[in-house]
Amino acid sequence: MKTIEFYFDFGSPTAFIAHKQLQKLAAKYQANLVYEPMLLGAVHKATNNTPPGAVAAKGRYMVLQDLPRFVQRYGIEFNFNPNFPINTLKLMRGCYAAKELSCFEKYVDIIYDGMWIQKLHLGKDEVLLDTLNNAGLNAEKMLELVQTDSVKTALKENTDKAVSKGAFGAPTMYLGKEMYFGQDRLDFVEEALQE
């Protein structure tokens, strides 16, 4: 069985698109899809990279043309979040809190859908608490865990690991030693799964 390592940050709309498509590819080719949370801002800083929105023309192109094309191609629901960009530190640490509480997969789906379908402002604690509680998760316990040293360290170490492997943005996928960057490279991921 092949393994896809998926390095992601909830703040990336292209990583959301990859998240939805990678689930389909993993099921189709019976691959193991491993989610690797990283803090995108720290990756950008470490690699001297800038987000697409930092270049006005590139940001407009991404939002108005590129994202809608891929949403249509993959047939997924997507609504650009008017609160973008938000600080995702708490959300990404929440991944490790969710792992401790054995609800990681559910947490990822809730946060991604909240961010890029429901257009919620998940950078606000009250919105995040309501979203998690309404989904049946223990939001108070999760927000308590995101403040622990073990959770903070886990995110930092995984972010450092992503950079050491060559990641400079999100989404970044690995199959073995081969790296694929961007939702627009998923056809290459699929070809690698077919081999």
Protein backbone atom coordinates (compact mmCIF):
# COMPACT_ATOMS: atom_id res chain seq x y z
CA MET A 1 0.00 0.00 0.00
CA LYS A 2 1.35 3.42 -0.98
CA THR A 3 1.40 6.29 1.49
CA ILE A 4 0.61 9.93 0.70
CA GLU A 5 2.00 12.38 3.25
CA PHE A 6 -0.08 15.56 3.14
CA TYR A 7 1.45 18.65 4.73
CA PHE A 8 -1.27 21.24 5.22
CA ASP A 9 -2.51 24.36 6.99
CA PHE A 10 -6.22 25.17 7.32
CA GLY A 11 -5.53 28.73 6.15
CA SER A 12 -4.66 27.61 2.63
CA PRO A 13 -7.63 27.37 0.26
CA THR A 14 -5.54 25.31 -2.16
CA ALA A 15 -4.76 22.86 0.66
CA PHE A 16 -8.52 22.56 1.26
CA ILE A 17 -9.01 21.63 -2.39
CA ALA A 18 -6.20 19.08 -2.11
CA HIS A 19 -7.72 17.70 1.12
CA LYS A 20 -11.00 16.96 -0.64
CA GLN A 21 -9.37 15.43 -3.71
CA LEU A 22 -6.71 13.42 -1.85
CA GLN A 23 -9.42 11.64 0.12
CA LYS A 24 -10.95 10.49 -3.18
CA LEU A 25 -7.58 9.44 -4.61
CA ALA A 26 -6.63 7.53 -1.47
CA ALA A 27 -9.92 5.62 -1.58
CA LYS A 28 -9.67 4.95 -5.33
CA TYR A 29 -6.12 3.59 -5.17
CA GLN A 30 -6.31 2.12 -1.65
CA ALA A 31 -3.51 4.39 -0.49
CA ASN A 32 -2.73 5.43 3.06
CA LEU A 33 -3.35 9.19 3.46
CA VAL A 34 -1.35 10.68 6.35
CA TYR A 35 -2.18 14.23 7.44
CA GLU A 36 0.87 16.24 8.56
CA PRO A 37 -0.14 19.55 10.20
CA MET A 38 2.32 22.41 9.79
CA LEU A 39 2.21 26.14 10.42
CA LEU A 40 2.28 27.73 6.98
CA GLY A 41 3.44 31.14 8.21
CA ALA A 42 6.48 29.55 9.84
CA VAL A 43 7.22 27.56 6.67
CA HIS A 44 7.05 30.74 4.59
CA LYS A 45 9.35 32.52 7.04
CA ALA A 46 11.87 29.66 7.14
CA THR A 47 11.98 29.40 3.33
CA ASN A 48 11.76 33.13 2.58
CA ASN A 49 8.55 32.48 0.64
CA THR A 50 5.50 34.75 0.41
CA PRO A 51 1.82 33.75 0.12
CA PRO A 52 0.10 34.35 -3.26
CA GLY A 53 -2.05 37.09 -1.75
CA ALA A 54 1.07 39.13 -0.98
CA VAL A 55 1.25 39.89 -4.71
CA ALA A 56 -1.98 41.74 -5.53
CA ALA A 57 -2.32 40.55 -9.13
CA LYS A 58 -1.50 36.96 -8.17
CA GLY A 59 -3.99 37.04 -5.31
CA ARG A 60 -6.78 38.33 -7.56
CA TYR A 61 -6.00 35.67 -10.17
CA MET A 62 -6.02 32.91 -7.55
CA VAL A 63 -9.35 33.96 -6.01
CA LEU A 64 -11.23 34.93 -9.17
CA GLN A 65 -9.92 32.41 -11.72
CA ASP A 66 -7.62 29.65 -10.48
CA LEU A 67 -9.56 28.42 -7.42
CA PRO A 68 -12.95 28.38 -9.23
CA ARG A 69 -11.41 26.33 -12.05
CA PHE A 70 -10.16 23.63 -9.68
CA VAL A 71 -13.38 23.65 -7.64
CA GLN A 72 -15.30 23.01 -10.86
CA ARG A 73 -12.81 20.39 -12.08
CA TYR A 74 -13.03 18.39 -8.86
CA GLY A 75 -16.74 18.96 -8.27
CA ILE A 76 -16.37 20.10 -4.67
CA GLU A 77 -18.24 22.65 -2.60
CA PHE A 78 -16.16 25.73 -1.85
CA ASN A 79 -16.83 29.28 -0.70
CA PHE A 80 -13.98 31.75 -0.39
CA ASN A 81 -13.78 32.91 3.22
CA PRO A 82 -14.11 36.72 3.50
CA ASN A 83 -12.11 36.56 6.77
CA PHE A 84 -9.04 35.22 4.93
CA PRO A 85 -6.26 35.35 5.94
CA ILE A 86 -6.56 34.44 9.62
CA ASN A 87 -3.96 33.37 12.17
CA THR A 88 -4.18 29.56 12.13
CA LEU A 89 -1.78 28.85 15.02
CA LYS A 90 -4.55 27.74 17.38
CA LEU A 91 -6.31 25.73 14.65
CA MET A 92 -3.12 23.90 13.70
CA ARG A 93 -2.21 23.19 17.32
CA GLY A 94 -5.77 21.90 17.59
CA CYS A 95 -4.77 19.05 15.28
CA TYR A 96 -2.48 17.68 17.98
CA ALA A 97 -5.07 18.27 20.68
CA ALA A 98 -7.54 16.33 18.52
CA LYS A 99 -5.04 13.49 18.18
CA GLU A 100 -4.80 13.30 21.98
CA LEU A 101 -8.61 13.19 22.17
CA SER A 102 -8.88 10.58 19.36
CA CYS A 103 -10.96 12.83 17.10
CA PHE A 104 -8.35 14.01 14.59
CA GLU A 105 -10.13 13.07 11.35
CA LYS A 106 -13.43 14.57 12.52
CA TYR A 107 -11.62 17.73 13.67
CA VAL A 108 -9.90 18.18 10.30
CA ASP A 109 -13.20 17.86 8.43
CA ILE A 110 -15.00 20.25 10.80
CA ILE A 111 -12.32 22.94 10.60
CA TYR A 112 -11.79 22.66 6.84
CA ASP A 113 -15.54 22.74 6.11
CA GLY A 114 -16.05 25.58 8.58
CA MET A 115 -13.30 27.58 6.95
CA TRP A 116 -13.91 26.94 3.25
CA ILE A 117 -17.58 25.97 2.94
CA GLN A 118 -19.36 27.73 5.81
CA LYS A 119 -17.03 30.79 5.70
CA LEU A 120 -16.71 30.94 9.49
CA HIS A 121 -14.27 33.26 11.24
CA LEU A 122 -12.43 30.48 13.05
CA GLY A 123 -9.79 32.93 14.25
CA LYS A 124 -12.31 34.04 16.89
CA ASP A 125 -12.40 31.85 19.99
CA GLU A 126 -16.18 32.10 20.41
CA VAL A 127 -16.77 30.96 16.81
CA LEU A 128 -14.27 28.12 17.17
CA LEU A 129 -15.82 26.99 20.47
CA ASP A 130 -19.34 27.00 19.02
CA THR A 131 -18.21 25.15 15.88
CA LEU A 132 -16.47 22.38 17.84
CA ASN A 133 -19.19 22.04 20.47
CA ASN A 134 -21.94 21.92 17.84
CA ALA A 135 -20.05 19.08 16.15
CA GLY A 136 -19.99 17.10 19.40
CA LEU A 137 -16.35 17.71 20.29
CA ASN A 138 -15.10 18.85 23.69
CA ALA A 139 -14.08 22.36 22.65
CA GLU A 140 -13.06 23.52 26.12
CA LYS A 141 -10.74 20.54 26.58
CA MET A 142 -9.27 21.08 23.10
CA LEU A 143 -8.55 24.75 23.73
CA GLU A 144 -6.97 23.77 27.04
CA LEU A 145 -4.70 21.26 25.29
CA VAL A 146 -3.55 23.72 22.60
CA GLN A 147 -1.83 25.67 25.39
CA THR A 148 0.23 22.71 26.58
CA ASP A 149 3.93 22.45 25.84
CA SER A 150 3.57 19.00 24.28
CA VAL A 151 1.07 20.24 21.68
CA LYS A 152 3.07 23.40 20.94
CA THR A 153 6.24 21.33 20.52
CA ALA A 154 4.52 18.77 18.26
CA LEU A 155 3.40 21.45 15.80
CA LYS A 156 6.78 23.18 15.83
CA GLU A 157 8.65 19.92 15.26
CA ASN A 158 6.38 18.88 12.39
CA THR A 159 6.72 22.31 10.80
CA ASP A 160 10.51 22.02 11.06
CA LYS A 161 10.29 18.52 9.56
CA ALA A 162 8.30 19.86 6.61
CA VAL A 163 10.93 22.52 5.93
CA SER A 164 13.77 19.99 6.26
CA LYS A 165 12.02 17.79 3.67
CA GLY A 166 11.86 20.69 1.21
CA ALA A 167 8.36 22.10 1.77
CA PHE A 168 7.98 25.82 1.09
CA GLY A 169 4.18 26.12 1.07
CA ALA A 170 0.89 24.26 1.24
CA PRO A 171 -0.33 21.88 0.12
CA THR A 172 2.79 19.74 -0.11
CA MET A 173 2.48 16.01 -0.72
CA TYR A 174 5.07 13.24 -0.64
CA LEU A 175 4.95 9.75 -2.07
CA GLY A 176 8.15 8.15 -0.89
CA LYS A 177 10.90 10.67 -1.64
CA GLU A 178 8.96 12.41 -4.42
CA MET A 179 7.53 15.82 -3.48
CA TYR A 180 4.48 17.42 -5.13
CA PHE A 181 3.47 21.02 -4.39
CA GLY A 182 0.05 22.51 -5.00
CA GLN A 183 -3.47 21.33 -5.77
CA ASP A 184 -2.53 21.71 -9.44
CA ARG A 185 -0.07 18.78 -9.16
CA LEU A 186 -2.60 16.18 -8.08
CA ASP A 187 -2.59 14.62 -11.54
CA PHE A 188 1.07 13.71 -10.92
CA VAL A 189 0.12 12.30 -7.52
CA GLU A 190 -2.51 10.16 -9.23
CA GLU A 191 -0.01 8.94 -11.82
CA ALA A 192 2.37 7.93 -9.02
CA LEU A 193 -0.46 6.02 -7.32
CA GLN A 194 -1.21 4.20 -10.57
CA GLU A 195 2.37 2.94 -10.99
